[in-house]
Protein backbone atom coordinates (compact mmCIF):
# COMPACT_ATOMS: atom_id res chain seq x y z
CA UNK A 1 15.21 63.89 25.53
CA UNK A 2 18.59 64.59 23.89
CA UNK A 3 17.60 68.22 23.25
CA UNK A 4 16.53 68.57 26.88
CA UNK A 5 19.84 67.15 28.07
CA UNK A 6 21.79 69.61 25.93
CA UNK A 7 19.71 72.55 27.13
CA UNK A 8 19.98 71.55 30.79
CA UNK A 9 23.80 71.36 30.94
CA UNK A 10 25.84 74.54 30.52
CA UNK A 11 29.24 72.83 30.80
CA UNK A 12 29.09 69.25 29.43
CA UNK A 13 31.46 66.73 30.98
CA UNK A 14 34.25 65.41 28.77
CA UNK A 15 33.73 61.67 28.32
CA UNK A 16 35.67 60.65 25.19
CA UNK A 17 38.87 61.38 23.29
CA UNK A 18 37.35 60.37 19.95
CA UNK A 19 33.99 59.20 18.60
CA UNK A 20 33.19 57.40 15.34
CA UNK A 21 29.54 57.36 14.20
CA UNK A 22 28.44 55.13 11.32
CA UNK A 23 25.06 55.41 9.52
CA UNK A 24 24.81 58.93 10.93
CA UNK A 25 21.82 59.76 8.71
CA UNK A 26 19.67 57.58 10.99
CA UNK A 27 20.48 59.58 14.12
CA UNK A 28 18.76 62.70 15.37
CA UNK A 29 21.03 65.75 14.86
CA UNK A 30 20.78 66.42 18.59
CA UNK A 31 22.55 63.10 19.25
CA UNK A 32 25.50 64.21 17.10
CA UNK A 33 25.64 67.50 19.01
CA UNK A 34 25.66 65.52 22.25
CA UNK A 35 28.61 63.49 20.96
CA UNK A 36 30.45 66.66 19.94
CA UNK A 37 30.09 68.21 23.40
CA UNK A 38 31.20 64.96 25.07
CA UNK A 39 34.64 65.18 23.43
CA UNK A 40 37.81 66.78 24.71
CA UNK A 41 39.17 69.99 23.17
CA UNK A 42 40.57 68.20 20.10
CA UNK A 43 36.98 67.41 18.99
CA UNK A 44 37.92 64.26 17.11
CA UNK A 45 34.49 63.31 15.78
CA UNK A 46 34.12 61.28 12.58
CA UNK A 47 30.62 60.66 11.22
CA UNK A 48 29.82 58.71 8.08
CA UNK A 49 26.48 58.84 6.29
CA UNK A 50 24.64 58.21 3.05
CA UNK A 51 21.86 60.66 2.13
CA UNK A 52 19.89 58.05 0.16
CA UNK A 53 19.90 55.58 3.04
CA UNK A 54 18.01 57.91 5.37
CA UNK A 55 15.12 55.81 6.72
CA UNK A 56 13.61 58.59 8.80
CA UNK A 57 11.94 61.88 7.93
CA UNK A 58 14.97 63.98 7.10
CA UNK A 59 18.62 63.88 6.14
CA UNK A 60 21.56 65.50 7.92
CA UNK A 61 21.92 69.29 7.69
CA UNK A 62 25.31 70.91 6.88
CA UNK A 63 27.84 70.91 9.77
CA UNK A 64 27.36 74.62 10.50
CA UNK A 65 23.67 73.99 11.15
CA UNK A 66 24.14 70.53 12.63
CA UNK A 67 26.50 71.50 15.47
CA UNK A 68 25.12 74.98 16.13
CA UNK A 69 26.80 78.13 17.44
CA UNK A 70 28.46 79.30 20.66
CA UNK A 71 27.37 82.20 22.87
CA UNK A 72 29.00 84.65 20.44
CA UNK A 73 27.17 83.24 17.42
CA UNK A 74 30.26 81.51 15.99
CA UNK A 75 29.81 78.09 14.41
CA UNK A 76 31.28 75.24 16.46
CA UNK A 77 32.08 73.42 13.20
CA UNK A 78 32.64 74.88 9.75
CA UNK A 79 34.26 73.13 6.80
CA UNK A 80 36.40 75.75 5.12
CA UNK A 81 37.35 73.58 2.14
CA UNK A 82 41.06 74.22 2.78
CA UNK A 83 41.43 70.87 4.55
CA UNK A 84 40.14 68.10 2.22
CA UNK A 85 40.25 65.55 5.05
CA UNK A 86 37.35 67.35 6.77
CA UNK A 87 34.79 66.26 4.19
CA UNK A 88 35.53 63.07 2.22
CA UNK A 89 33.17 61.58 -0.34
CA UNK A 90 33.77 57.88 -1.07
CA UNK A 91 33.14 57.36 -4.79
CA UNK A 92 34.39 53.77 -5.09
CA UNK A 93 31.94 50.98 -4.25
CA UNK A 94 33.35 47.51 -3.60
CA UNK A 95 30.10 45.85 -2.54
CA UNK A 96 27.54 46.68 -5.22
CA UNK A 97 28.06 46.10 -8.93
CA UNK A 98 27.45 48.81 -11.54
CA UNK A 99 24.00 47.48 -12.60
CA UNK A 100 22.88 47.04 -9.01
CA UNK A 101 23.98 50.45 -7.75
CA UNK A 102 22.72 52.29 -10.84
CA UNK A 103 19.33 50.58 -10.42
CA UNK A 104 19.21 51.60 -6.76
CA UNK A 105 20.04 55.22 -7.64
CA UNK A 106 17.57 55.30 -10.54
CA UNK A 107 14.72 54.03 -8.37
CA UNK A 108 15.76 56.12 -5.37
CA UNK A 109 15.66 59.34 -7.41
CA UNK A 110 12.72 58.29 -9.62
CA UNK A 111 14.83 58.79 -12.78
CA UNK A 112 12.53 56.62 -14.94
CA UNK A 113 9.36 56.91 -12.85
CA UNK A 114 6.13 57.81 -14.65
CA UNK A 115 5.84 61.65 -14.62
CA UNK A 116 3.83 63.28 -11.85
CA UNK A 117 1.24 65.54 -13.59
CA UNK A 118 1.78 68.23 -10.94
CA UNK A 119 5.53 68.35 -11.56
CA UNK A 120 5.97 67.23 -15.15
CA UNK A 121 8.70 64.84 -14.03
CA UNK A 122 8.98 61.49 -12.30
CA UNK A 123 11.87 62.64 -10.11
CA UNK A 124 11.27 62.25 -6.40
CA UNK A 125 14.42 64.00 -5.17
CA UNK A 126 17.63 65.50 -6.55
CA UNK A 127 21.03 66.70 -5.42
CA UNK A 128 21.09 70.49 -5.05
CA UNK A 129 24.66 70.49 -6.37
CA UNK A 130 25.03 68.83 -9.76
CA UNK A 131 28.74 68.12 -9.16
CA UNK A 132 27.78 65.63 -6.44
CA UNK A 133 26.95 63.11 -9.18
CA UNK A 134 30.63 63.04 -10.09
CA UNK A 135 31.66 62.77 -6.46
CA UNK A 136 29.51 59.64 -5.98
CA UNK A 137 31.04 57.91 -8.99
CA UNK A 138 29.18 58.98 -12.16
CA UNK A 139 30.46 60.61 -15.34
CA UNK A 140 28.58 62.49 -18.07
CA UNK A 141 28.44 60.43 -21.27
CA UNK A 142 25.93 62.61 -23.12
CA UNK A 143 24.47 66.07 -22.69
CA UNK A 144 25.28 68.43 -19.85
CA UNK A 145 24.81 68.25 -16.11
CA UNK A 146 23.17 71.68 -15.88
CA UNK A 147 19.73 73.12 -15.16
CA UNK A 148 17.04 72.06 -17.66
CA UNK A 149 19.56 70.09 -19.73
CA UNK A 150 19.17 66.47 -20.83
CA UNK A 151 22.02 64.43 -19.41
CA UNK A 152 23.08 60.78 -19.43
CA UNK A 153 25.21 59.56 -16.54
CA UNK A 154 27.13 56.30 -16.22
CA UNK A 155 29.21 54.80 -13.46
CA UNK A 156 32.92 54.68 -14.16
CA UNK A 157 35.23 51.66 -14.11
CA UNK A 158 36.99 53.27 -11.16
CA UNK A 159 33.87 53.78 -9.08
CA UNK A 160 32.33 50.39 -9.98
CA UNK A 161 35.07 47.84 -10.78
CA UNK A 162 34.00 45.44 -13.53
CA UNK A 163 34.87 42.29 -11.54
CA UNK A 164 31.85 43.00 -9.33
CA UNK A 165 29.66 42.03 -12.29
CA UNK A 166 31.20 38.53 -12.53
CA UNK A 167 28.37 36.84 -10.53
CA UNK A 168 26.14 37.82 -13.46
CA UNK A 169 27.81 35.04 -15.45
CA UNK A 170 26.25 32.54 -13.02
CA UNK A 171 22.79 34.10 -12.76
CA UNK A 172 21.23 37.42 -13.72
CA UNK A 173 22.30 40.00 -11.14
CA UNK A 174 18.96 41.76 -10.81
CA UNK A 175 15.47 40.43 -11.33
CA UNK A 176 12.11 42.12 -10.76
CA UNK A 177 9.04 39.89 -10.61
CA UNK A 178 5.35 40.71 -10.25
CA UNK A 179 2.91 38.18 -8.78
CA UNK A 180 -0.87 38.06 -8.60
CA UNK A 181 -1.00 38.06 -4.80
CA UNK A 182 1.06 37.63 -1.63
CA UNK A 183 0.64 33.82 -1.60
CA UNK A 184 2.12 33.44 -5.08
CA UNK A 185 4.95 35.73 -4.01
CA UNK A 186 5.56 33.65 -0.87
CA UNK A 187 5.68 30.35 -2.77
CA UNK A 188 8.13 31.76 -5.32
CA UNK A 189 10.48 33.16 -2.66
CA UNK A 190 10.43 29.89 -0.70
CA UNK A 191 11.10 27.80 -3.82
CA UNK A 192 13.91 30.12 -4.90
CA UNK A 193 15.56 29.92 -1.48
CA UNK A 194 15.28 26.13 -1.58
CA UNK A 195 17.01 26.14 -4.99
CA UNK A 196 19.71 28.50 -3.70
CA UNK A 197 20.51 26.10 -0.85
CA UNK A 198 20.22 22.78 -2.68
CA UNK A 199 21.46 23.58 -6.19
CA UNK A 200 23.24 26.95 -6.17
CA UNK A 201 25.71 26.14 -3.38
CA UNK A 202 24.65 29.10 -1.26
CA UNK A 203 24.65 28.84 2.51
CA UNK A 204 21.78 30.10 4.69
CA UNK A 205 23.93 33.03 5.83
CA UNK A 206 24.34 34.04 2.15
CA UNK A 207 20.64 34.95 1.98
CA UNK A 208 18.60 37.83 3.41
CA UNK A 209 14.87 38.40 2.90
CA UNK A 210 13.90 42.06 3.49
CA UNK A 211 10.43 43.48 4.02
CA UNK A 212 10.59 47.27 3.42
CA UNK A 213 7.77 48.19 5.83
CA UNK A 214 9.18 47.76 9.36
CA UNK A 215 5.71 47.82 10.95
CA UNK A 216 4.37 44.81 9.04
CA UNK A 217 7.47 42.61 8.82
CA UNK A 218 6.61 40.05 11.50
CA UNK A 219 3.18 39.42 9.98
CA UNK A 220 4.25 39.52 6.32
CA UNK A 221 7.17 37.08 6.53
CA UNK A 222 5.20 34.45 8.47
CA UNK A 223 3.78 32.59 5.47
CA UNK A 224 7.16 32.32 3.71
CA UNK A 225 8.82 31.03 6.85
CA UNK A 226 6.09 28.42 7.31
CA UNK A 227 6.57 27.16 3.73
CA UNK A 228 10.31 26.91 4.34
CA UNK A 229 9.79 25.10 7.65
CA UNK A 230 7.51 22.56 5.96
CA UNK A 231 10.36 21.92 3.52
CA UNK A 232 12.88 21.43 6.32
CA UNK A 233 14.57 24.84 5.98
CA UNK A 234 15.18 26.84 9.15
CA UNK A 235 14.72 30.62 9.27
CA UNK A 236 14.65 33.39 11.86
CA UNK A 237 13.40 36.96 12.15
CA UNK A 238 16.44 39.04 13.09
CA UNK A 239 16.02 40.93 16.34
CA UNK A 240 12.79 39.07 17.19
CA UNK A 241 13.77 35.39 17.26
CA UNK A 242 17.31 36.48 18.15
CA UNK A 243 18.88 39.04 20.47
CA UNK A 244 19.38 42.54 19.11
CA UNK A 245 23.08 41.77 18.61
CA UNK A 246 22.48 38.75 16.36
CA UNK A 247 21.57 39.00 12.69
CA UNK A 248 22.82 35.78 11.09
CA UNK A 249 22.64 32.33 12.74
CA UNK A 250 25.24 30.57 10.61
CA UNK A 251 25.91 27.83 13.16
CA UNK A 252 22.24 26.77 13.02
CA UNK A 253 21.91 26.98 9.23
CA UNK A 254 19.08 29.51 9.42
CA UNK A 255 17.97 32.01 6.73
CA UNK A 256 17.61 35.61 7.96
CA UNK A 257 14.35 37.54 7.52
CA UNK A 258 14.31 41.18 8.50
CA UNK A 259 12.65 44.57 8.32
CA UNK A 260 14.50 47.40 6.63
CA UNK A 261 15.90 48.95 9.83
CA UNK A 262 17.51 45.70 10.97
CA UNK A 263 18.91 45.19 7.46
CA UNK A 264 21.06 48.31 7.78
CA UNK A 265 24.73 47.48 8.20
CA UNK A 266 24.30 43.91 6.95
CA UNK A 267 24.94 42.34 3.55
CA UNK A 268 24.62 39.02 1.74
CA UNK A 269 25.27 37.41 -1.61
CA UNK A 270 21.56 36.95 -2.36
CA UNK A 271 18.96 39.51 -1.26
CA UNK A 272 15.20 39.14 -1.69
CA UNK A 273 13.19 42.34 -1.39
CA UNK A 274 9.57 41.32 -0.83
CA UNK A 275 6.43 43.50 -1.03
CA UNK A 276 8.35 45.99 -3.14
CA UNK A 277 5.04 47.45 -4.33
CA UNK A 278 5.01 49.37 -1.04
CA UNK A 279 8.03 51.32 -2.32
CA UNK A 280 6.48 52.59 -5.55
CA UNK A 281 4.41 55.41 -4.09
CA UNK A 282 3.02 56.55 -0.76
CA UNK A 283 1.20 59.73 0.23
CA UNK A 284 3.59 61.91 2.18
CA UNK A 285 6.29 59.24 2.20
CA UNK A 286 7.54 58.77 -1.35
CA UNK A 287 11.07 59.91 -0.54
CA UNK A 288 11.14 57.67 2.51
CA UNK A 289 9.84 54.52 0.78
CA UNK A 290 12.14 55.06 -2.19
CA UNK A 291 15.09 55.34 0.20
CA UNK A 292 14.00 52.07 1.79
CA UNK A 293 14.10 50.39 -1.61
CA UNK A 294 17.55 51.88 -2.29
CA UNK A 295 18.80 50.58 1.06
CA UNK A 296 17.32 47.10 0.58
CA UNK A 297 18.81 46.65 -2.90
CA UNK A 298 22.26 47.80 -1.79
CA UNK A 299 22.44 45.11 0.91
CA UNK A 300 23.40 42.69 -1.89
CA UNK A 301 26.98 41.74 -2.72
CA UNK A 302 25.93 39.86 -5.85
CA UNK A 303 22.30 39.05 -6.67
CA UNK A 304 19.05 40.76 -5.79
CA UNK A 305 15.45 39.70 -6.43
CA UNK A 306 12.85 42.46 -6.07
CA UNK A 307 9.34 41.01 -5.93
CA UNK A 308 5.81 42.13 -5.14
CA UNK A 309 2.23 42.08 -6.34
CA UNK A 310 -0.49 44.40 -7.62
CA UNK A 311 -0.53 47.39 -10.01
CA UNK A 312 2.17 49.33 -8.14
CA UNK A 313 4.55 46.39 -8.56
CA UNK A 314 3.72 46.29 -12.28
CA UNK A 315 4.66 49.99 -12.51
CA UNK A 316 7.85 49.44 -10.49
CA UNK A 317 8.92 46.54 -12.72
CA UNK A 318 8.30 48.69 -15.80
CA UNK A 319 10.45 51.40 -14.21
CA UNK A 320 13.27 48.91 -13.68
CA UNK A 321 12.97 47.71 -17.28
CA UNK A 322 13.60 51.30 -18.43
CA UNK A 323 16.77 51.32 -16.32
CA UNK A 324 17.86 48.02 -17.86
CA UNK A 325 16.99 49.07 -21.42
CA UNK A 326 19.22 52.13 -20.96
CA UNK A 327 22.14 49.84 -20.05
CA UNK A 328 21.96 50.99 -16.42
CA UNK A 329 22.69 54.59 -17.36
CA UNK A 330 20.73 57.47 -15.84
CA UNK A 331 19.11 59.65 -18.50
CA UNK A 332 17.02 62.60 -17.35
CA UNK A 333 16.54 66.37 -17.52
CA UNK A 334 18.40 67.94 -14.63
CA UNK A 335 15.84 70.07 -12.75
CA UNK A 336 16.42 73.77 -12.23
CA UNK A 337 16.40 75.38 -8.79
CA UNK A 338 12.66 76.13 -8.90
CA UNK A 339 11.78 72.51 -9.70
CA UNK A 340 14.19 71.16 -7.09
CA UNK A 341 12.41 73.33 -4.54
CA UNK A 342 9.02 72.01 -5.70
CA UNK A 343 10.31 68.43 -5.42
CA UNK A 344 11.18 69.08 -1.79
CA UNK A 345 7.67 70.43 -1.15
CA UNK A 346 5.51 68.02 -3.17
CA UNK A 347 7.52 64.90 -2.24
CA UNK A 348 8.29 65.92 1.33
CA UNK A 349 7.93 63.37 4.10
CA UNK A 350 4.80 64.14 6.11
CA UNK A 351 3.86 63.24 9.65
CA UNK A 352 0.77 61.09 10.22
CA UNK A 353 -1.13 64.24 11.21
CA UNK A 354 -0.11 66.03 8.00
CA UNK A 355 -1.12 63.04 5.89
CA UNK A 356 -4.55 63.00 7.54
CA UNK A 357 -5.06 66.73 6.88
CA UNK A 358 -4.10 66.32 3.21
CA UNK A 359 -6.43 63.33 2.79
CA UNK A 360 -9.31 65.26 4.37
CA UNK A 361 -8.60 68.29 2.18
CA UNK A 362 -8.53 66.09 -0.95
CA UNK A 363 -11.93 64.62 -0.06
CA UNK A 364 -13.40 68.09 0.56
CA UNK A 365 -12.06 69.53 -2.70
CA UNK A 366 -13.13 66.47 -4.69
CA UNK A 367 -16.66 66.75 -3.29
CA UNK A 368 -16.82 70.50 -4.07
CA UNK A 369 -15.60 70.03 -7.66
CA UNK A 370 -18.10 67.22 -8.27
CA UNK A 371 -21.03 69.22 -6.90
CA UNK A 372 -20.04 72.30 -8.93
CA UNK A 373 -19.74 70.16 -12.06
CA UNK A 374 -23.10 68.48 -11.48
CA UNK A 375 -24.79 71.80 -10.68
CA UNK A 376 -25.72 70.76 -7.16
CA UNK A 377 -23.79 73.85 -6.01
CA UNK A 378 -23.41 77.05 -8.03
CA UNK A 379 -20.19 79.06 -8.04
CA UNK A 380 -22.30 82.03 -6.95
CA UNK A 381 -23.25 80.11 -3.79
CA UNK A 382 -19.68 80.35 -2.52
CA UNK A 383 -18.52 83.39 -0.52
CA UNK A 384 -16.72 85.94 -2.71
CA UNK A 385 -13.61 85.93 -0.50
CA UNK A 386 -13.34 82.13 -0.85
CA UNK A 387 -13.63 82.39 -4.64
CA UNK A 388 -11.00 85.15 -4.72
CA UNK A 389 -8.58 83.16 -2.53
CA UNK A 390 -9.00 80.10 -4.77
CA UNK A 391 -8.24 82.23 -7.82
CA UNK A 392 -5.04 83.54 -6.23
CA UNK A 393 -3.90 80.11 -5.08
CA UNK A 394 -4.56 78.50 -8.47
CA UNK A 395 -3.11 81.41 -10.40
CA UNK A 396 -6.21 81.87 -12.54
CA UNK A 397 -8.59 84.68 -13.39
C-alpha cells in the first residue's frame, strides 16, 4: 500500500518539519521514503536502527538505495562522509553488560555454532566491512580482522562499562538451561519467578518472559501463567490482555509475558527467554531466528535466563558454554568475500513458498540418491541432459 501511495502522488504534500524514527529496521523501506517525502525542504529525518534486531526478512539498504533517485537519476540522499553527523554509530552500551552483549552477538552471528558442512563454518551472517566491529565496540586482542584470518575480539571498557557487570555479584548474569520437555521448563520458570518476587526483592515489573516465536506465544505461555496464578502471582500477555499501548502493569503487580515483537523497545532487570530451542536452527529462517534470540537477550538490564528443551536446546547451551569458556570473547576466522556471499545465499531468509519448494526438492533428491544407491534406478536410466546438468551444478566430472 505504501508503494502504491508513493507511485500515485507526483507532488507529495508537506506534513512535517522533522521526523524521528526508532527501530527503523522493522519498517518497510517504502515507509521511510514516505516519511522523507512528507518533510519540508530541510528534510530533517533521523532514523535509528540495529541490523541484528531486524525481526523481518531483510535489513535496511544504504541511504542511496533506500530513498531512491529523482527524475534526473540523482540520489535524494547520499552520505558523503564529509559530515560525520550524517551517519553516527553508537558504540557505548549502557543497558547490557559485556558478557550479555557478547553472548548476544556470538549467538546472533553463530560465532561458536557447530560448522555447517556446506559452508565449513558455523557463521550465520557477517558484517561486509570488518571495521564495523570496532564501530560497535569491539577491539582486536589477538590475530587480525582480515579475510581468512583468525581473530579474537573483545568489548572495551569504554563500550561496555564494568559497573554493568555488578549484578553478577548477586546472581550469575547469564544462565542457559535445558529441560526434558515444555512442562519441566514451565515449572522451572514459574518457580524462579516466585523466588524473584519473594526472596530476590524484584518487583513484577522487573521481569519479562519472552517467547521468540510470535505466532505461538499465546498458546505457549498459558501453562506458565496458570502455574503462577495457582501460586497467587498475577501475570498478563502484553498487547492481548492489555491495550497495545500498555506493556507493564506495575500498579496491579503483574508479570509481563510477551512475544518477540512486543518485547522490542522494552527492558527489565530479569528476562526469561523460553523455548529458545526454536532459535537454534530453522530452514530458511536461521538469520531471522538468531536475530530474535539476540533481541530477546538484549532486553535485559541485568540478568537473563535462556531456557528450552530438546536436542536443539542442548546444542544451543553447548554453544553458549563455548562463549563463556572464551571469557565472552569472539574468536573466529573472518570470512572472505566469497564466503560472505555464500552466507547470504545459504542462510538467506526464505518465504513460506520458497521453504516449501526447497523441502520438496530435498525429498526428490533424497529419493533419487537412495534409489540409485540401491540399484532400483540406474544412472543410465536418466536422460543425458539431466545427468550433464547435474555434473555442471555439482562441479564434478
